Amino acid sequence: MPVIAPHLRPGLTSMELPFAEMGRRGV
C-alpha cells in the first residue's frame, strides 16, 4: 500500500498487488 509500506520505519517489505496491470490486461 503506497500510504503505508514506504512510510513505516524501516520501510515495509511487501508483496505488491498488480492493480494497474490487472486493469490493462482486463481491457
PDB file of all heavy atoms in Angstrom:
ATOM      1  N   MET A   1       0.836  -1.200   0.000  1.00  0.00           N
ATOM      2  CA  MET A   1       0.000   0.000   0.000  1.00  0.00           C
ATOM      3  C   MET A   1       0.872   1.252   0.000  1.00  0.00           C
ATOM      4  O   MET A   1       1.706   1.431   0.896  1.00  0.00           O
ATOM      5  CB  MET A   1      -0.923   0.016   1.220  1.00  0.00           C
ATOM      6  CG  MET A   1      -2.047  -0.988   1.172  1.00  0.00           C
ATOM      7  SD  MET A   1      -3.187  -0.796   2.574  1.00  0.00           S
ATOM      8  CE  MET A   1      -3.967   0.756   2.137  1.00  0.00           C
ATOM      9  N   PRO A   2       0.685   2.142  -0.962  1.00  0.00           N
ATOM     10  CA  PRO A   2       1.547   3.329  -1.050  1.00  0.00           C
ATOM     11  C   PRO A   2       1.401   4.275   0.130  1.00  0.00           C
ATOM     12  O   PRO A   2       2.300   5.076   0.388  1.00  0.00           O
ATOM     13  CB  PRO A   2       1.103   3.998  -2.360  1.00  0.00           C
ATOM     14  CG  PRO A   2      -0.268   3.466  -2.635  1.00  0.00           C
ATOM     15  CD  PRO A   2      -0.282   2.076  -2.076  1.00  0.00           C
ATOM     16  N   VAL A   3       0.274   4.193   0.861  1.00  0.00           N
ATOM     17  CA  VAL A   3       0.083   5.072   2.011  1.00  0.00           C
ATOM     18  C   VAL A   3       0.648   4.469   3.288  1.00  0.00           C
ATOM     19  O   VAL A   3       0.644   5.120   4.333  1.00  0.00           O
ATOM     20  CB  VAL A   3      -1.410   5.411   2.212  1.00  0.00           C
ATOM     21  CG1 VAL A   3      -1.942   6.196   1.034  1.00  0.00           C
ATOM     22  CG2 VAL A   3      -2.240   4.146   2.426  1.00  0.00           C
ATOM     23  N   ILE A   4       1.127   3.222   3.222  1.00  0.00           N
ATOM     24  CA  ILE A   4       1.655   2.567   4.419  1.00  0.00           C
ATOM     25  C   ILE A   4       3.084   2.077   4.211  1.00  0.00           C
ATOM     26  O   ILE A   4       4.011   2.503   4.918  1.00  0.00           O
ATOM     27  CB  ILE A   4       0.762   1.387   4.864  1.00  0.00           C
ATOM     28  CG1 ILE A   4      -0.607   1.879   5.315  1.00  0.00           C
ATOM     29  CG2 ILE A   4       1.435   0.598   5.996  1.00  0.00           C
ATOM     30  CD1 ILE A   4      -1.555   0.767   5.738  1.00  0.00           C
ATOM     31  N   ALA A   5       3.275   1.157   3.270  1.00  0.00           N
ATOM     32  CA  ALA A   5       4.528   0.398   3.171  1.00  0.00           C
ATOM     33  C   ALA A   5       5.794   1.259   3.112  1.00  0.00           C
ATOM     34  O   ALA A   5       6.743   1.013   3.867  1.00  0.00           O
ATOM     35  CB  ALA A   5       4.455  -0.559   1.982  1.00  0.00           C
ATOM     36  N   PRO A   6       5.875   2.281   2.252  1.00  0.00           N
ATOM     37  CA  PRO A   6       7.129   3.045   2.182  1.00  0.00           C
ATOM     38  C   PRO A   6       7.318   4.018   3.337  1.00  0.00           C
ATOM     39  O   PRO A   6       8.419   4.547   3.524  1.00  0.00           O
ATOM     40  CB  PRO A   6       7.010   3.787   0.852  1.00  0.00           C
ATOM     41  CG  PRO A   6       5.565   3.861   0.546  1.00  0.00           C
ATOM     42  CD  PRO A   6       4.912   2.707   1.231  1.00  0.00           C
ATOM     43  N   HIS A   7       6.256   4.257   4.121  1.00  0.00           N
ATOM     44  CA  HIS A   7       6.317   5.290   5.159  1.00  0.00           C
ATOM     45  C   HIS A   7       6.589   4.742   6.555  1.00  0.00           C
ATOM     46  O   HIS A   7       6.853   5.515   7.479  1.00  0.00           O
ATOM     47  CB  HIS A   7       5.020   6.094   5.157  1.00  0.00           C
ATOM     48  CG  HIS A   7       4.745   6.768   3.848  1.00  0.00           C
ATOM     49  ND1 HIS A   7       5.549   7.763   3.338  1.00  0.00           N
ATOM     50  CD2 HIS A   7       3.776   6.554   2.909  1.00  0.00           C
ATOM     51  CE1 HIS A   7       5.074   8.147   2.154  1.00  0.00           C
ATOM     52  NE2 HIS A   7       4.011   7.429   1.872  1.00  0.00           N
ATOM     53  N   LEU A   8       6.514   3.435   6.741  1.00  0.00           N
ATOM     54  CA  LEU A   8       6.904   2.853   8.015  1.00  0.00           C
ATOM     55  C   LEU A   8       8.416   2.938   8.149  1.00  0.00           C
ATOM     56  O   LEU A   8       9.138   3.037   7.160  1.00  0.00           O
ATOM     57  CB  LEU A   8       6.429   1.399   8.099  1.00  0.00           C
ATOM     58  CG  LEU A   8       4.910   1.192   8.131  1.00  0.00           C
ATOM     59  CD1 LEU A   8       4.567  -0.294   8.073  1.00  0.00           C
ATOM     60  CD2 LEU A   8       4.296   1.819   9.376  1.00  0.00           C
ATOM     61  N   ARG A   9       8.903   2.887   9.376  1.00  0.00           N
ATOM     62  CA  ARG A   9      10.341   2.957   9.623  1.00  0.00           C
ATOM     63  C   ARG A   9      10.794   1.758  10.434  1.00  0.00           C
ATOM     64  O   ARG A   9      10.385   1.619  11.560  1.00  0.00           O
ATOM     65  CB  ARG A   9      10.701   4.259  10.346  1.00  0.00           C
ATOM     66  CG  ARG A   9      10.513   5.493   9.477  1.00  0.00           C
ATOM     67  CD  ARG A   9      11.535   5.495   8.318  1.00  0.00           C
ATOM     68  NE  ARG A   9      11.374   6.645   7.442  1.00  0.00           N
ATOM     69  CZ  ARG A   9      10.619   6.663   6.354  1.00  0.00           C
ATOM     70  NH1 ARG A   9       9.941   5.578   6.011  1.00  0.00           N
ATOM     71  NH2 ARG A   9      10.537   7.732   5.606  1.00  0.00           N
ATOM     72  N   PRO A  10      11.610   0.883   9.816  1.00  0.00           N
ATOM     73  CA  PRO A  10      12.075   0.933   8.437  1.00  0.00           C
ATOM     74  C   PRO A  10      10.941   0.641   7.456  1.00  0.00           C
ATOM     75  O   PRO A  10       9.886   0.142   7.851  1.00  0.00           O
ATOM     76  CB  PRO A  10      13.138  -0.173   8.394  1.00  0.00           C
ATOM     77  CG  PRO A  10      12.675  -1.165   9.416  1.00  0.00           C
ATOM     78  CD  PRO A  10      12.087  -0.335  10.522  1.00  0.00           C
ATOM     79  N   GLY A  11      11.159   0.934   6.176  1.00  0.00           N
ATOM     80  CA  GLY A  11      10.142   0.658   5.172  1.00  0.00           C
ATOM     81  C   GLY A  11       9.759  -0.812   5.159  1.00  0.00           C
ATOM     82  O   GLY A  11      10.588  -1.690   5.441  1.00  0.00           O
ATOM     83  N   LEU A  12       8.499  -1.090   4.857  1.00  0.00           N
ATOM     84  CA  LEU A  12       7.963  -2.447   4.913  1.00  0.00           C
ATOM     85  C   LEU A  12       8.220  -3.204   3.616  1.00  0.00           C
ATOM     86  O   LEU A  12       7.832  -2.757   2.532  1.00  0.00           O
ATOM     87  CB  LEU A  12       6.459  -2.396   5.183  1.00  0.00           C
ATOM     88  CG  LEU A  12       5.696  -3.726   5.149  1.00  0.00           C
ATOM     89  CD1 LEU A  12       6.168  -4.658   6.259  1.00  0.00           C
ATOM     90  CD2 LEU A  12       4.190  -3.478   5.255  1.00  0.00           C
ATOM     91  N   THR A  13       8.853  -4.357   3.715  1.00  0.00           N
ATOM     92  CA  THR A  13       8.951  -5.279   2.584  1.00  0.00           C
ATOM     93  C   THR A  13       7.577  -5.892   2.365  1.00  0.00           C
ATOM     94  O   THR A  13       6.965  -6.405   3.305  1.00  0.00           O
ATOM     95  CB  THR A  13       9.990  -6.376   2.872  1.00  0.00           C
ATOM     96  OG1 THR A  13      11.290  -5.774   2.904  1.00  0.00           O
ATOM     97  CG2 THR A  13       9.961  -7.456   1.808  1.00  0.00           C
ATOM     98  N   SER A  14       7.088  -5.843   1.145  1.00  0.00           N
ATOM     99  CA  SER A  14       5.705  -6.250   0.902  1.00  0.00           C
ATOM    100  C   SER A  14       5.530  -6.793  -0.511  1.00  0.00           C
ATOM    101  O   SER A  14       6.263  -6.422  -1.432  1.00  0.00           O
ATOM    102  CB  SER A  14       4.769  -5.047   1.106  1.00  0.00           C
ATOM    103  OG  SER A  14       3.406  -5.410   0.990  1.00  0.00           O
ATOM    104  N   MET A  15       4.553  -7.684  -0.659  1.00  0.00           N
ATOM    105  CA  MET A  15       4.188  -8.195  -1.973  1.00  0.00           C
ATOM    106  C   MET A  15       3.223  -7.195  -2.620  1.00  0.00           C
ATOM    107  O   MET A  15       2.235  -6.794  -2.006  1.00  0.00           O
ATOM    108  CB  MET A  15       3.506  -9.559  -1.863  1.00  0.00           C
ATOM    109  CG  MET A  15       4.281 -10.593  -1.061  1.00  0.00           C
ATOM    110  SD  MET A  15       5.957 -10.895  -1.657  1.00  0.00           S
ATOM    111  CE  MET A  15       5.638 -11.548  -3.297  1.00  0.00           C
ATOM    112  N   GLU A  16       3.515  -6.796  -3.845  1.00  0.00           N
ATOM    113  CA  GLU A  16       2.698  -5.768  -4.500  1.00  0.00           C
ATOM    114  C   GLU A  16       1.569  -6.385  -5.316  1.00  0.00           C
ATOM    115  O   GLU A  16       1.799  -7.233  -6.178  1.00  0.00           O
ATOM    116  CB  GLU A  16       3.567  -4.917  -5.416  1.00  0.00           C
ATOM    117  CG  GLU A  16       2.804  -3.798  -6.107  1.00  0.00           C
ATOM    118  CD  GLU A  16       3.727  -2.854  -6.838  1.00  0.00           C
ATOM    119  OE1 GLU A  16       4.136  -3.170  -7.963  1.00  0.00           O
ATOM    120  OE2 GLU A  16       4.060  -1.801  -6.257  1.00  0.00           O
ATOM    121  N   LEU A  17       0.353  -5.943  -5.050  1.00  0.00           N
ATOM    122  CA  LEU A  17      -0.771  -6.362  -5.881  1.00  0.00           C
ATOM    123  C   LEU A  17      -0.720  -5.593  -7.199  1.00  0.00           C
ATOM    124  O   LEU A  17      -0.633  -4.364  -7.202  1.00  0.00           O
ATOM    125  CB  LEU A  17      -2.101  -6.098  -5.163  1.00  0.00           C
ATOM    126  CG  LEU A  17      -2.434  -7.069  -4.041  1.00  0.00           C
ATOM    127  CD1 LEU A  17      -3.629  -6.570  -3.240  1.00  0.00           C
ATOM    128  CD2 LEU A  17      -2.720  -8.460  -4.570  1.00  0.00           C
ATOM    129  N   PRO A  18      -0.777  -6.293  -8.345  1.00  0.00           N
ATOM    130  CA  PRO A  18      -0.566  -5.643  -9.648  1.00  0.00           C
ATOM    131  C   PRO A  18      -1.828  -4.985 -10.196  1.00  0.00           C
ATOM    132  O   PRO A  18      -2.351  -5.371 -11.247  1.00  0.00           O
ATOM    133  CB  PRO A  18      -0.118  -6.820 -10.526  1.00  0.00           C
ATOM    134  CG  PRO A  18      -0.860  -7.998  -9.962  1.00  0.00           C
ATOM    135  CD  PRO A  18      -0.933  -7.757  -8.470  1.00  0.00           C
ATOM    136  N   PHE A  19      -2.337  -3.971  -9.506  1.00  0.00           N
ATOM    137  CA  PHE A  19      -3.614  -3.375  -9.891  1.00  0.00           C
ATOM    138  C   PHE A  19      -3.586  -2.748 -11.285  1.00  0.00           C
ATOM    139  O   PHE A  19      -4.502  -2.965 -12.083  1.00  0.00           O
ATOM    140  CB  PHE A  19      -4.046  -2.334  -8.851  1.00  0.00           C
ATOM    141  CG  PHE A  19      -4.653  -2.944  -7.625  1.00  0.00           C
ATOM    142  CD1 PHE A  19      -3.905  -3.102  -6.477  1.00  0.00           C
ATOM    143  CD2 PHE A  19      -5.961  -3.383  -7.631  1.00  0.00           C
ATOM    144  CE1 PHE A  19      -4.461  -3.685  -5.342  1.00  0.00           C
ATOM    145  CE2 PHE A  19      -6.528  -3.966  -6.508  1.00  0.00           C
ATOM    146  CZ  PHE A  19      -5.771  -4.119  -5.358  1.00  0.00           C
ATOM    147  N   ALA A  20      -2.566  -1.949 -11.573  1.00  0.00           N
ATOM    148  CA  ALA A  20      -2.515  -1.299 -12.888  1.00  0.00           C
ATOM    149  C   ALA A  20      -2.450  -2.342 -14.000  1.00  0.00           C
ATOM    150  O   ALA A  20      -3.140  -2.229 -15.020  1.00  0.00           O
ATOM    151  CB  ALA A  20      -1.324  -0.360 -12.964  1.00  0.00           C
ATOM    152  N   GLU A  21      -1.647  -3.377 -13.795  1.00  0.00           N
ATOM    153  CA  GLU A  21      -1.515  -4.417 -14.815  1.00  0.00           C
ATOM    154  C   GLU A  21      -2.815  -5.197 -14.964  1.00  0.00           C
ATOM    155  O   GLU A  21      -3.192  -5.595 -16.072  1.00  0.00           O
ATOM    156  CB  GLU A  21      -0.360  -5.353 -14.464  1.00  0.00           C
ATOM    157  CG  GLU A  21      -0.086  -6.433 -15.491  1.00  0.00           C
ATOM    158  CD  GLU A  21       0.294  -5.892 -16.866  1.00  0.00           C
ATOM    159  OE1 GLU A  21       0.713  -4.725 -16.972  1.00  0.00           O
ATOM    160  OE2 GLU A  21       0.151  -6.654 -17.847  1.00  0.00           O
ATOM    161  N   MET A  22      -3.529  -5.421 -13.854  1.00  0.00           N
ATOM    162  CA  MET A  22      -4.830  -6.103 -13.949  1.00  0.00           C
ATOM    163  C   MET A  22      -5.800  -5.277 -14.792  1.00  0.00           C
ATOM    164  O   MET A  22      -6.542  -5.820 -15.612  1.00  0.00           O
ATOM    165  CB  MET A  22      -5.413  -6.356 -12.558  1.00  0.00           C
ATOM    166  CG  MET A  22      -4.802  -7.541 -11.842  1.00  0.00           C
ATOM    167  SD  MET A  22      -5.753  -8.056 -10.378  1.00  0.00           S
ATOM    168  CE  MET A  22      -5.328  -6.761  -9.215  1.00  0.00           C
ATOM    169  N   GLY A  23      -5.798  -3.956 -14.582  1.00  0.00           N
ATOM    170  CA  GLY A  23      -6.664  -3.092 -15.384  1.00  0.00           C
ATOM    171  C   GLY A  23      -6.319  -3.160 -16.853  1.00  0.00           C
ATOM    172  O   GLY A  23      -7.205  -3.282 -17.715  1.00  0.00           O
ATOM    173  N   ARG A  24      -5.023  -3.099 -17.161  1.00  0.00           N
ATOM    174  CA  ARG A  24      -4.596  -3.158 -18.564  1.00  0.00           C
ATOM    175  C   ARG A  24      -4.959  -4.498 -19.198  1.00  0.00           C
ATOM    176  O   ARG A  24      -5.491  -4.545 -20.320  1.00  0.00           O
ATOM    177  CB  ARG A  24      -3.072  -2.935 -18.658  1.00  0.00           C
ATOM    178  CG  ARG A  24      -2.641  -1.492 -18.510  1.00  0.00           C
ATOM    179  CD  ARG A  24      -1.185  -1.304 -18.868  1.00  0.00           C
ATOM    180  NE  ARG A  24      -0.317  -1.879 -17.856  1.00  0.00           N
ATOM    181  CZ  ARG A  24       0.153  -1.210 -16.809  1.00  0.00           C
ATOM    182  NH1 ARG A  24      -0.165   0.057 -16.637  1.00  0.00           N
ATOM    183  NH2 ARG A  24       0.952  -1.795 -15.941  1.00  0.00           N
ATOM    184  N   ARG A  25      -4.664  -5.586 -18.503  1.00  0.00           N
ATOM    185  CA  ARG A  25      -4.925  -6.912 -19.060  1.00  0.00           C
ATOM    186  C   ARG A  25      -6.429  -7.150 -19.223  1.00  0.00           C
ATOM    187  O   ARG A  25      -6.862  -7.783 -20.184  1.00  0.00           O
ATOM    188  CB  ARG A  25      -4.321  -7.999 -18.169  1.00  0.00           C
ATOM    189  CG  ARG A  25      -2.829  -8.139 -18.282  1.00  0.00           C
ATOM    190  CD  ARG A  25      -2.409  -8.545 -19.685  1.00  0.00           C
ATOM    191  NE  ARG A  25      -3.089  -9.759 -20.121  1.00  0.00           N
ATOM    192  CZ  ARG A  25      -3.423 -10.020 -21.381  1.00  0.00           C
ATOM    193  NH1 ARG A  25      -3.169  -9.145 -22.336  1.00  0.00           N
ATOM    194  NH2 ARG A  25      -4.026 -11.158 -21.697  1.00  0.00           N
ATOM    195  N   GLY A  26      -7.218  -6.649 -18.284  1.00  0.00           N
ATOM    196  CA  GLY A  26      -8.668  -6.820 -18.388  1.00  0.00           C
ATOM    197  C   GLY A  26      -9.221  -6.176 -19.636  1.00  0.00           C
ATOM    198  O   GLY A  26      -9.998  -6.784 -20.383  1.00  0.00           O
ATOM    199  N   VAL A  27      -8.800  -4.933 -19.908  1.00  0.00           N
ATOM    200  CA  VAL A  27      -9.281  -4.228 -21.097  1.00  0.00           C
ATOM    201  C   VAL A  27      -8.728  -4.884 -22.360  1.00  0.00           C
ATOM    202  O   VAL A  27      -9.444  -5.028 -23.358  1.00  0.00           O
ATOM    203  CB  VAL A  27      -8.893  -2.734 -21.033  1.00  0.00           C
ATOM    204  CG1 VAL A  27      -9.179  -2.039 -22.364  1.00  0.00           C
ATOM    205  CG2 VAL A  27      -9.661  -2.050 -19.908  1.00  0.00           C
TER     206      VAL A  27
END
